[in-house]
Protein backbone atom coordinates (compact mmCIF):
# COMPACT_ATOMS: atom_id res chain seq x y z
CA MET A 1 108.49 122.01 114.26
CA ASN A 2 105.92 119.45 113.07
CA ILE A 3 107.18 117.25 110.22
CA GLY A 4 104.26 114.83 109.97
CA SER A 5 101.12 113.29 111.35
CA ALA A 6 99.74 109.84 112.17
CA TRP A 7 96.23 108.44 112.48
CA LYS A 8 95.04 105.29 114.25
CA LYS A 9 93.33 103.00 111.74
CA GLU A 10 91.89 99.52 111.55
CA SER A 11 92.14 97.25 108.51
CA LYS A 12 89.16 95.40 107.03
CA ASP A 13 90.25 92.27 108.88
CA GLY A 14 90.38 94.14 112.23
CA LYS A 15 94.14 94.70 112.56
CA LYS A 16 95.16 98.03 114.08
CA TYR A 17 97.87 100.19 112.51
CA MET A 18 98.91 103.82 112.10
CA SER A 19 98.59 105.66 108.80
CA CYS A 20 101.35 108.30 108.59
CA VAL A 21 102.48 111.19 106.41
CA MET A 22 105.78 113.05 106.70
CA GLN A 23 106.47 116.36 104.95
CA SER A 24 109.88 117.58 103.84
CA PRO A 25 111.17 119.73 100.98
CA PHE A 26 113.76 116.99 100.43
CA LEU A 27 111.18 114.28 99.64
CA PRO A 28 109.61 113.61 96.22
CA ASP A 29 106.29 115.47 95.96
CA GLY A 30 107.16 117.09 99.31
CA GLN A 31 105.85 114.18 101.39
CA ILE A 32 105.95 110.44 101.96
CA THR A 33 103.14 108.25 103.26
CA PHE A 34 103.64 105.05 105.21
CA ALA A 35 101.95 102.74 107.69
CA ILE A 36 103.22 101.36 110.98
CA PHE A 37 102.06 97.86 111.96
CA PRO A 38 102.72 96.02 115.23
CA VAL A 39 104.68 92.79 114.80
CA GLY A 40 102.37 89.85 115.39
CA GLU A 41 104.87 87.59 117.12
CA LYS A 42 108.34 88.56 118.27
CA LYS A 43 110.87 85.79 117.63
CA THR A 44 113.50 87.19 120.04
CA ASP A 45 113.77 90.05 122.54
CA SER A 46 115.78 92.03 119.98
CA SER A 47 113.14 91.60 117.24
CA PRO A 48 111.31 94.83 116.34
CA ASP A 49 107.97 95.69 117.92
CA TYR A 50 106.70 97.44 114.77
CA VAL A 51 107.30 97.35 111.02
CA ILE A 52 107.05 100.37 108.71
CA ALA A 53 105.61 99.95 105.23
CA TRP A 54 106.05 102.68 102.63
CA SER A 55 102.96 103.59 100.58
CA ARG A 56 104.09 104.36 97.06
CA PRO A 57 102.31 107.33 95.49
CA LYS A 58 99.72 106.51 92.85
CA PRO A 59 100.74 107.59 89.34
CA LYS A 60 99.33 110.94 88.35
CA GLN A 61 96.97 110.96 85.38
CA THR A 62 97.75 113.44 82.65
CA GLN A 63 95.12 115.55 80.96
CA SER A 64 94.95 116.64 77.35
CA ALA A 65 94.32 120.24 76.33
CA ASP A 66 90.55 119.62 76.32
CA GLY A 67 90.71 118.36 79.93
CA ALA A 68 90.06 114.70 79.09
CA THR A 69 92.19 112.00 80.67
CA PRO A 70 93.44 109.34 78.24
CA ALA A 71 92.28 105.76 78.71
CA GLN A 72 94.84 103.27 79.96
CA GLY A 73 96.91 101.84 77.14
CA ASP A 74 96.47 104.76 74.74
CA ASP A 75 100.26 104.91 74.39
CA ASP A 76 100.16 101.70 72.35
CA ILE A 77 97.74 103.04 69.72
CA PRO A 78 99.74 103.82 66.54
CA PHE A 79 97.38 106.53 65.23
């Protein structure tokens, strides 16, 4: 059973990493995204070879009945 996928990527500054997504009915929104980066310099033999960084989901924008999305900060307008 496949629970996720990973893609080889390269950052703007030329560093290679893997962009990953894992699906599960037990996760918020049914999936989690993260990246795996190689450690630049190992301090000891027992230091990790890779680090995993979680990518937090972007907040979802809500739409009004007419389909328009409110501008940022509309919650502060008292009228």
